Each structure stands twice: as structure tokens, then as C-alpha cells.
């Protein structure tokens, strides 16, 4: 590259950086948000590939890429064992991690926008517990009670049951926390804790009734893991998660407006009640499907949106896609830590996210206790 061309590129980059800094200081973060989203796409792709490479199998990046692209010597590039490990274990695990992380982060964005509170999160306010209760009901009581559900949905029955549990909990939470068209922050958090405890009590009763096999399956929900990832689980959960994620960008304008209050949003032409109904169903579907295939993974929905909101601002047009990218990336990174930090054993991924998220949550509380009404 000629020196003059490199100098011109450097000058343009410097000018762009200066413009973005000036816009950020003035409150206009649109260009910064687009840059951050572009960087997150690259980061997510690199993390996804790194997840496929991480493990005991000796498979280089170049060999895996050549094999996936169908090189002429594909049969000699990787051994049969390595192909099975990558295609049937690591790849579905990375795909599931991206889907679950994106759904939990976007659900956190939607709930925080809907309730106008940065502490709202599917795990914190009991939605994840409700989804887990739905899944545990199906596991313990099985086809004896839910035979028609199995007959109708097949292997989709577990995500559907978790979705129903999450939806019922979300509707109860919204009904309790909203009075006279206004949502109380304190009531929201306290009601979420109470509903989480109640669903946990019902789950405890079901665990008491479970046999050894069912008990092992139920234990999976408590700590969360991507260890059981396979293409069947992805086929069951991906349509629900992807549909929920596809709907969410259309809520961005309404979520932006509702930050000014429901009355102001209504006068701006936003169909507030319809938007709230769509948002509630979307969060319940995404959370329920995620819990059904990965168990209870907390704090992703509160850490990711808040972190991005500090950088790119509260505009949901950019916050939603950025949260989806960062949520999926962080969950894949947490999964990589979980399966390497105690190798050859595997740490439940819910423990890793709790170690990261709990201190961050306390920092949010201490930093904003006077502005969030606590």
C-alpha cells in the first residue's frame, strides 16, 4: 500500500473517530452504535469459530474450514473422531449458545423497556423460574398427564411447556406490578421475587415426587448447561427463539416511546396495549424455549443491555441487535470457560454467568440507587 494512501486512510479514521466522539458528547450515538454493531458481528464470528476450535480434539482452524468447505482431500483432513466431535458436539453447542444468549439478552432489553427499569430481567423477576416449572412439570408428570401435548407437539413439547410457564408468570407479574396504567418498580421487583419463590416451591414438590432418572433431568435446570446440545434440541427451540427475535425489532419504536410514559406513547400514535401484549408473548416464548434447552442461566439479560446502554445509549433500534450479538457472544465465552477451567470436568454455565453477573448487578444497584427508585 502506498504511503500516501495509508496516510489518507489514517486521516479519515482519525476524522471519523473525532466525529463519533463529538456526537457521543452531544447525545447522538447513532453512528457509534452502528460501529459497535459492526465490531460485535466480527467479535461474535471470531468467538463462534473459537468455540468450535476449543477442546481436546487436535483440529486446526484451517483444517476445519477446509473440511467444512468440502475440500478435495476432506476425508484426510480430519479423522472420523474429530469430525464427530466438531459436527455433532461443538458446532451444535456453539449454535445453541448463540441462540440462547441472544434470546436472554433481547428478553432483558424488552422487559427493561416495557417496565421502564434497568433492573428488569427474565431471571430476576421470576419468568425463568416459571419457564423451568413448566418444563419440570412435563418431565416429572410425563406422558401420563400430558399425553395430548406430546402427541400434538412431539419433541417440541418441552419448549412449549416452558413457554406456557414463562407466559403465565409474565402475565401475573405484569398484572400485579401495574395499577392504574402505571408500573411500580418496587412492586415489579418484589412480585418477581415472590413469584420466583412460589414457582420454586412448586418445582421442589415435583422434585420430591421425581424418580432417579427424572431427578437427574431436573437437576439440569437448576444450574444451566449447554452440555446436552444437539441438533434435535436446536430444531425444537430455534424456531421459537428466532421468531421471537424477529418480532422484537418491530417493537423498538414503541419501546423508545414508552420510556416517556404510556400516556405520551399513546399520544405519539403507539398502540400501547397491543405492543405490550406482543412484548410479553415474545419474552415468554424466547425465555421459555431457552430454559427448555439450556436450563436456568441468569444475569445475561441484565448485564448485556445495561453494558450496551452505557456505550451506545437507550435507542432500542440499535440496542436490540447489539444485545443479541453481545448476549450470544458472552454466553459462548462463558461456555468455553465452563468446559476448560475445570477440565476434564465441566462447570455448569449458570455458575460462570452468576460469578460475572452478580457483582455487576450489585454495581448497578449501588451506582443508580437514587435514580431507579430503590
Protein backbone atom coordinates (compact mmCIF):
# COMPACT_ATOMS: atom_id res chain seq x y z
CA UNK A 1 0.00 0.00 0.00
CA UNK A 2 1.47 3.40 -0.99
CA UNK A 3 2.41 5.64 1.89
CA UNK A 4 0.08 8.44 0.74
CA UNK A 5 -2.89 6.08 0.61
CA UNK A 6 -2.15 4.73 4.09
CA UNK A 7 -1.82 8.31 5.34
CA UNK A 8 -5.17 9.27 3.80
CA UNK A 9 -6.87 6.27 5.41
CA UNK A 10 -5.34 7.16 8.74
CA UNK A 11 -6.60 10.72 8.43
CA UNK A 12 -10.11 9.56 7.53
CA UNK A 13 -10.13 7.17 10.50
CA UNK A 14 -8.98 9.96 12.81
CA UNK A 15 -11.69 12.27 11.48
CA UNK A 16 -14.35 9.57 11.90
CA UNK A 17 -13.22 8.95 15.47
CA UNK A 18 -13.37 12.66 16.24
CA UNK A 19 -16.87 12.95 14.73
CA UNK A 20 -18.14 9.96 16.73
CA UNK A 21 -16.66 11.40 19.95
CA UNK A 22 -18.30 14.77 19.31
CA UNK A 23 -21.67 13.15 18.53
CA UNK A 24 -21.44 10.97 21.64
CA UNK A 25 -20.84 14.01 23.83
CA UNK A 26 -23.82 15.78 22.27
CA UNK A 27 -26.06 12.77 22.91
CA UNK A 28 -26.22 11.49 19.32
CA UNK A 29 -24.81 7.97 19.42
CA UNK A 30 -26.31 6.59 16.20
CA UNK A 31 -23.03 6.41 14.29
CA UNK A 32 -21.22 4.95 17.30
CA UNK A 33 -23.97 2.35 17.65
CA UNK A 34 -23.53 1.27 14.03
CA UNK A 35 -19.78 0.96 14.52
CA UNK A 36 -20.28 -1.06 17.71
CA UNK A 37 -22.73 -3.41 15.97
CA UNK A 38 -20.23 -3.97 13.15
CA UNK A 39 -17.49 -4.75 15.67
CA UNK A 40 -19.83 -7.08 17.58
CA UNK A 41 -20.54 -9.02 14.38
CA UNK A 42 -16.81 -9.62 13.91
CA UNK A 43 -16.37 -10.47 17.60
CA UNK A 44 -19.31 -12.90 17.52
CA UNK A 45 -17.96 -14.67 14.42
CA UNK A 46 -14.49 -14.98 15.96
CA UNK A 47 -15.90 -16.30 19.24
CA UNK A 48 -18.12 -18.79 17.41
CA UNK A 49 -15.15 -20.18 15.49
CA UNK A 50 -13.04 -20.19 18.65
CA UNK A 51 -15.68 -22.24 20.43
CA UNK A 52 -15.57 -24.86 17.70
CA UNK A 53 -11.78 -24.99 17.99
CA UNK A 54 -11.64 -25.22 21.80
CA UNK A 55 -11.29 -28.72 23.21
CA UNK A 56 -9.14 -31.80 23.39
CA UNK A 57 -9.50 -32.79 19.73
CA UNK A 58 -6.47 -31.73 17.71
CA UNK A 59 -8.05 -29.89 14.80
CA UNK A 60 -6.57 -26.68 13.42
CA UNK A 61 -8.70 -23.81 12.19
CA UNK A 62 -7.50 -24.17 8.61
CA UNK A 63 -8.28 -27.90 8.55
CA UNK A 64 -11.78 -27.40 9.95
CA UNK A 65 -12.55 -24.60 7.48
CA UNK A 66 -11.28 -26.65 4.54
CA UNK A 67 -13.31 -29.64 5.70
CA UNK A 68 -16.48 -27.56 6.12
CA UNK A 69 -15.96 -26.09 2.62
CA UNK A 70 -15.69 -29.61 1.17
CA UNK A 71 -12.05 -29.65 0.06
CA UNK A 72 -10.99 -32.37 -2.35
CA UNK A 73 -8.96 -34.11 0.37
CA UNK A 74 -11.71 -33.71 3.00
CA UNK A 75 -11.52 -37.35 4.12
CA UNK A 76 -7.82 -36.95 5.01
CA UNK A 77 -8.06 -33.52 6.64
CA UNK A 78 -9.83 -34.65 9.81
CA UNK A 79 -10.16 -38.03 11.46
CA UNK A 80 -13.60 -39.58 11.86
CA UNK A 81 -13.40 -38.94 15.61
CA UNK A 82 -12.60 -35.24 15.14
CA UNK A 83 -15.41 -34.86 12.60
CA UNK A 84 -17.92 -36.33 15.05
CA UNK A 85 -16.66 -34.10 17.88
CA UNK A 86 -16.86 -30.93 15.80
CA UNK A 87 -20.04 -31.60 13.83
CA UNK A 88 -22.14 -33.34 16.49
CA UNK A 89 -20.84 -31.82 19.74
CA UNK A 90 -19.05 -28.48 19.34
CA UNK A 91 -21.00 -26.98 16.45
CA UNK A 92 -24.50 -27.55 17.91
CA UNK A 93 -23.20 -26.33 21.26
CA UNK A 94 -21.95 -23.08 19.73
CA UNK A 95 -25.17 -22.60 17.75
CA UNK A 96 -27.30 -23.22 20.83
CA UNK A 97 -25.15 -20.86 22.92
CA UNK A 98 -25.59 -18.08 20.37
CA UNK A 99 -29.36 -18.62 20.22
CA UNK A 100 -29.87 -18.81 23.99
CA UNK A 101 -27.56 -15.89 24.77
CA UNK A 102 -29.26 -13.71 22.15
CA UNK A 103 -32.75 -14.61 23.37
CA UNK A 104 -31.95 -13.93 27.04
CA UNK A 105 -30.24 -10.61 26.27
CA UNK A 106 -33.03 -9.40 23.98
CA UNK A 107 -35.65 -10.52 26.51
CA UNK A 108 -33.84 -8.38 29.08
CA UNK A 109 -33.91 -5.38 26.72
CA UNK A 110 -37.64 -5.79 26.09
CA UNK A 111 -38.51 -6.19 29.77
CA UNK A 112 -36.39 -3.22 30.79
CA UNK A 113 -38.01 -1.09 28.12
CA UNK A 114 -41.51 -2.31 28.88
CA UNK A 115 -41.21 -1.78 32.64
CA UNK A 116 -39.01 1.30 32.24
CA UNK A 117 -36.48 -0.07 34.67
CA UNK A 118 -32.87 -1.20 34.06
CA UNK A 119 -33.13 -3.97 36.68
CA UNK A 120 -35.89 -5.93 34.95
CA UNK A 121 -34.67 -9.32 33.76
CA UNK A 122 -36.41 -12.65 32.98
CA UNK A 123 -34.33 -14.46 35.60
CA UNK A 124 -34.55 -11.78 38.27
CA UNK A 125 -38.32 -11.29 38.14
CA UNK A 126 -39.25 -14.98 38.05
CA UNK A 127 -40.02 -15.55 34.35
CA UNK A 128 -37.18 -18.07 34.03
CA UNK A 129 -38.43 -19.84 37.16
CA UNK A 130 -41.90 -20.08 35.67
CA UNK A 131 -40.47 -21.49 32.43
CA UNK A 132 -38.46 -24.02 34.44
CA UNK A 133 -41.60 -25.04 36.33
CA UNK A 134 -43.38 -25.70 33.04
CA UNK A 135 -40.51 -27.85 31.81
CA UNK A 136 -40.18 -29.74 35.11
CA UNK A 137 -43.93 -30.43 35.12
CA UNK A 138 -43.57 -32.10 31.76
CA UNK A 139 -40.50 -34.09 32.82
CA UNK A 140 -41.93 -35.41 36.10
CA UNK A 141 -45.57 -35.96 35.19
CA UNK A 142 -44.69 -37.04 31.67
CA UNK A 143 -46.99 -38.59 29.12
CA UNK A 144 -49.33 -39.90 31.83
CA UNK A 145 -50.72 -36.39 32.35
CA UNK A 146 -49.53 -34.52 29.27
CA UNK A 147 -50.08 -37.23 26.69
CA UNK A 148 -52.08 -34.94 24.34
CA UNK A 149 -49.27 -32.35 24.47
CA UNK A 150 -46.71 -34.98 23.46
CA UNK A 151 -48.99 -36.25 20.71
CA UNK A 152 -49.56 -32.73 19.34
CA UNK A 153 -46.07 -31.25 19.54
CA UNK A 154 -43.71 -34.26 19.68
CA UNK A 155 -40.19 -33.18 20.65
CA UNK A 156 -41.42 -29.58 20.63
CA UNK A 157 -43.48 -30.37 23.75
CA UNK A 158 -40.73 -29.36 26.21
CA UNK A 159 -40.15 -25.86 24.76
CA UNK A 160 -43.92 -25.37 24.52
CA UNK A 161 -44.41 -26.32 28.18
CA UNK A 162 -41.60 -23.97 29.22
CA UNK A 163 -43.12 -21.22 27.06
CA UNK A 164 -46.51 -21.64 28.75
CA UNK A 165 -44.88 -21.50 32.19
CA UNK A 166 -42.95 -18.35 31.30
CA UNK A 167 -46.02 -16.72 29.73
CA UNK A 168 -48.24 -17.35 32.76
CA UNK A 169 -45.57 -15.98 35.11
CA UNK A 170 -45.01 -12.89 32.92
CA UNK A 171 -48.74 -12.13 32.75
CA UNK A 172 -49.10 -12.50 36.53
CA UNK A 173 -46.10 -10.26 37.10
CA UNK A 174 -47.42 -7.57 34.80
CA UNK A 175 -50.89 -7.74 36.35
CA UNK A 176 -49.50 -7.39 39.89
CA UNK A 177 -46.98 -4.64 39.10
CA UNK A 178 -49.32 -2.45 37.05
CA UNK A 179 -52.03 -0.33 38.62
CA UNK A 180 -53.93 2.50 37.00
CA UNK A 181 -51.79 2.20 33.88
CA UNK A 182 -48.58 2.74 35.88
CA UNK A 183 -45.99 0.08 36.64
CA UNK A 184 -44.44 0.22 40.10
CA UNK A 185 -40.72 -0.58 40.08
CA UNK A 186 -40.65 -1.74 43.69
CA UNK A 187 -43.75 -3.90 43.16
CA UNK A 188 -42.20 -5.32 40.00
CA UNK A 189 -39.04 -6.48 41.74
CA UNK A 190 -40.76 -7.73 44.90
CA UNK A 191 -43.50 -9.51 42.96
CA UNK A 192 -40.85 -11.09 40.77
CA UNK A 193 -39.00 -12.40 43.81
CA UNK A 194 -42.26 -13.72 45.28
CA UNK A 195 -43.31 -15.42 42.03
CA UNK A 196 -39.84 -16.91 41.67
CA UNK A 197 -40.06 -18.31 45.21
CA UNK A 198 -43.57 -19.68 44.56
CA UNK A 199 -42.63 -21.41 41.32
CA UNK A 200 -39.50 -22.69 43.05
CA UNK A 201 -41.67 -24.20 45.79
CA UNK A 202 -43.82 -26.00 43.23
CA UNK A 203 -40.67 -27.20 41.50
CA UNK A 204 -39.44 -28.53 44.86
CA UNK A 205 -42.64 -30.53 45.27
CA UNK A 206 -42.15 -32.04 41.82
CA UNK A 207 -38.52 -32.89 42.63
CA UNK A 208 -39.75 -34.67 45.76
CA UNK A 209 -42.08 -36.73 43.56
CA UNK A 210 -39.47 -37.50 40.88
CA UNK A 211 -37.68 -40.83 40.45
CA UNK A 212 -33.91 -41.10 39.99
CA UNK A 213 -33.92 -40.58 36.22
CA UNK A 214 -36.31 -37.66 36.42
CA UNK A 215 -34.27 -36.20 39.28
CA UNK A 216 -31.14 -36.23 37.13
CA UNK A 217 -33.03 -34.49 34.34
CA UNK A 218 -34.49 -31.89 36.69
CA UNK A 219 -31.09 -31.12 38.20
CA UNK A 220 -30.09 -29.93 34.73
CA UNK A 221 -32.46 -26.97 35.04
CA UNK A 222 -31.05 -25.74 38.32
CA UNK A 223 -27.59 -24.68 37.17
CA UNK A 224 -27.90 -24.43 33.41
CA UNK A 225 -25.63 -26.01 30.83
CA UNK A 226 -25.08 -26.38 27.10
CA UNK A 227 -23.57 -29.83 27.58
CA UNK A 228 -26.62 -31.61 26.18
CA UNK A 229 -26.71 -29.55 22.98
CA UNK A 230 -27.64 -31.48 19.86
CA UNK A 231 -29.37 -30.81 16.57
CA UNK A 232 -32.70 -32.17 17.87
CA UNK A 233 -32.81 -29.61 20.68
CA UNK A 234 -31.85 -26.87 18.26
CA UNK A 235 -34.64 -27.94 15.90
CA UNK A 236 -37.10 -27.74 18.79
CA UNK A 237 -36.03 -24.39 20.22
CA UNK A 238 -34.64 -22.44 17.26
CA UNK A 239 -37.98 -21.72 15.51
CA UNK A 240 -39.47 -20.25 18.70
CA UNK A 241 -36.36 -18.23 19.55
CA UNK A 242 -35.82 -16.95 16.01
CA UNK A 243 -39.48 -15.95 15.66
CA UNK A 244 -39.30 -14.03 18.95
CA UNK A 245 -36.08 -12.33 17.90
CA UNK A 246 -37.56 -11.44 14.50
CA UNK A 247 -40.54 -9.74 16.15
CA UNK A 248 -38.51 -7.66 18.61
CA UNK A 249 -37.02 -5.05 16.19
CA UNK A 250 -40.57 -4.02 15.26
CA UNK A 251 -41.11 -3.12 18.94
CA UNK A 252 -38.14 -0.73 19.01
CA UNK A 253 -40.11 2.42 18.15
CA UNK A 254 -42.76 1.62 20.74
CA UNK A 255 -40.17 0.84 23.41
CA UNK A 256 -38.46 4.15 22.69
CA UNK A 257 -41.76 5.99 23.03
CA UNK A 258 -42.88 4.20 26.18
CA UNK A 259 -39.81 5.47 28.05
CA UNK A 260 -41.65 8.80 28.17
CA UNK A 261 -44.68 7.11 29.78
CA UNK A 262 -47.60 5.14 28.43
CA UNK A 263 -49.79 8.23 28.01
CA UNK A 264 -47.12 10.02 26.00
CA UNK A 265 -46.55 6.93 23.85
CA UNK A 266 -50.28 6.67 23.16
CA UNK A 267 -50.44 10.31 22.05
CA UNK A 268 -47.47 9.64 19.75
CA UNK A 269 -49.57 7.07 17.91
CA UNK A 270 -48.18 3.92 19.53
CA UNK A 271 -50.75 1.13 20.10
CA UNK A 272 -49.51 0.69 23.65
CA UNK A 273 -51.66 -2.23 24.76
CA UNK A 274 -51.02 -4.25 21.60
CA UNK A 275 -47.30 -3.56 21.87
CA UNK A 276 -47.27 -4.71 25.50
CA UNK A 277 -49.10 -7.91 24.58
CA UNK A 278 -46.66 -8.70 21.78
CA UNK A 279 -43.69 -7.89 24.02
CA UNK A 280 -44.95 -10.14 26.82
CA UNK A 281 -45.58 -13.08 24.49
CA UNK A 282 -42.19 -12.56 22.82
CA UNK A 283 -40.31 -12.56 26.13
CA UNK A 284 -42.18 -15.62 27.38
CA UNK A 285 -41.54 -17.52 24.15
CA UNK A 286 -37.83 -16.69 23.98
CA UNK A 287 -37.22 -17.33 27.68
CA UNK A 288 -39.29 -20.50 27.74
CA UNK A 289 -37.55 -22.02 24.74
CA UNK A 290 -34.13 -21.07 26.12
CA UNK A 291 -34.81 -22.54 29.54
CA UNK A 292 -36.17 -25.70 27.95
CA UNK A 293 -32.88 -26.47 26.19
CA UNK A 294 -30.28 -24.90 28.49
CA UNK A 295 -31.76 -24.69 31.98
CA UNK A 296 -31.61 -21.66 34.24
CA UNK A 297 -28.88 -19.26 33.09
CA UNK A 298 -29.06 -15.98 34.93
CA UNK A 299 -27.81 -12.40 34.61
CA UNK A 300 -27.29 -12.39 30.81
CA UNK A 301 -30.50 -10.39 30.39
CA UNK A 302 -29.42 -7.71 32.85
CA UNK A 303 -25.67 -7.40 32.23
CA UNK A 304 -25.68 -7.19 28.42
CA UNK A 305 -28.37 -4.50 27.89
CA UNK A 306 -27.07 -2.30 30.70
CA UNK A 307 -23.48 -2.53 29.47
CA UNK A 308 -24.50 -1.60 25.93
CA UNK A 309 -26.81 1.16 27.13
CA UNK A 310 -23.81 2.84 28.78
CA UNK A 311 -21.96 2.83 25.44
CA UNK A 312 -24.49 3.28 22.63
CA UNK A 313 -27.39 4.81 24.53
CA UNK A 314 -31.00 3.74 25.07
CA UNK A 315 -32.21 3.74 21.44
CA UNK A 316 -33.82 0.31 21.01
CA UNK A 317 -33.29 0.38 17.25
CA UNK A 318 -29.61 -0.27 17.96
CA UNK A 319 -29.86 -1.75 21.45
CA UNK A 320 -31.84 -4.81 20.32
CA UNK A 321 -29.45 -6.11 17.61
CA UNK A 322 -26.38 -5.17 19.66
CA UNK A 323 -27.74 -7.06 22.68
CA UNK A 324 -28.49 -10.13 20.57
CA UNK A 325 -24.91 -10.19 19.28
CA UNK A 326 -23.23 -9.50 22.61
CA UNK A 327 -25.54 -11.86 24.53
CA UNK A 328 -24.76 -14.77 22.23
CA UNK A 329 -21.05 -13.98 22.28
CA UNK A 330 -20.83 -13.71 26.07
CA UNK A 331 -22.71 -16.98 26.57
CA UNK A 332 -20.36 -18.79 24.19
CA UNK A 333 -17.38 -17.31 26.06
CA UNK A 334 -18.91 -18.39 29.39
CA UNK A 335 -19.40 -21.88 27.96
CA UNK A 336 -15.77 -22.01 26.85
CA UNK A 337 -14.71 -21.05 30.38
CA UNK A 338 -17.09 -23.61 31.90
CA UNK A 339 -15.67 -26.51 29.92
CA UNK A 340 -11.99 -25.60 30.22
CA UNK A 341 -11.50 -24.10 33.69
CA UNK A 342 -12.01 -27.44 35.48
CA UNK A 343 -11.09 -29.77 32.60
CA UNK A 344 -11.73 -32.68 32.18
CA UNK A 345 -14.78 -31.92 34.36
CA UNK A 346 -17.27 -29.28 33.26
CA UNK A 347 -18.55 -26.41 35.38
CA UNK A 348 -22.25 -25.57 34.93
CA UNK A 349 -22.51 -22.45 32.80
CA UNK A 350 -25.03 -20.89 35.20
CA UNK A 351 -22.28 -20.71 37.83
CA UNK A 352 -19.98 -18.82 35.44
CA UNK A 353 -22.65 -16.29 34.46
CA UNK A 354 -23.57 -15.81 38.13
CA UNK A 355 -19.94 -15.09 39.06
CA UNK A 356 -19.83 -12.45 36.33
CA UNK A 357 -23.37 -11.09 36.63
CA UNK A 358 -23.93 -10.89 40.39
CA UNK A 359 -21.13 -8.36 41.09
CA UNK A 360 -22.21 -6.35 38.04
CA UNK A 361 -25.81 -6.34 39.31
CA UNK A 362 -24.66 -5.08 42.72
CA UNK A 363 -22.67 -2.35 40.98
CA UNK A 364 -25.79 -1.26 39.08
CA UNK A 365 -27.74 -1.10 42.35
CA UNK A 366 -25.07 0.94 44.12
CA UNK A 367 -24.50 3.21 41.13
CA UNK A 368 -28.11 4.03 40.40
CA UNK A 369 -29.96 3.60 43.69
CA UNK A 370 -31.15 7.22 43.64
CA UNK A 371 -32.33 7.17 40.01
CA UNK A 372 -34.19 3.86 39.86
CA UNK A 373 -36.38 4.40 42.86
CA UNK A 374 -34.79 1.94 45.30
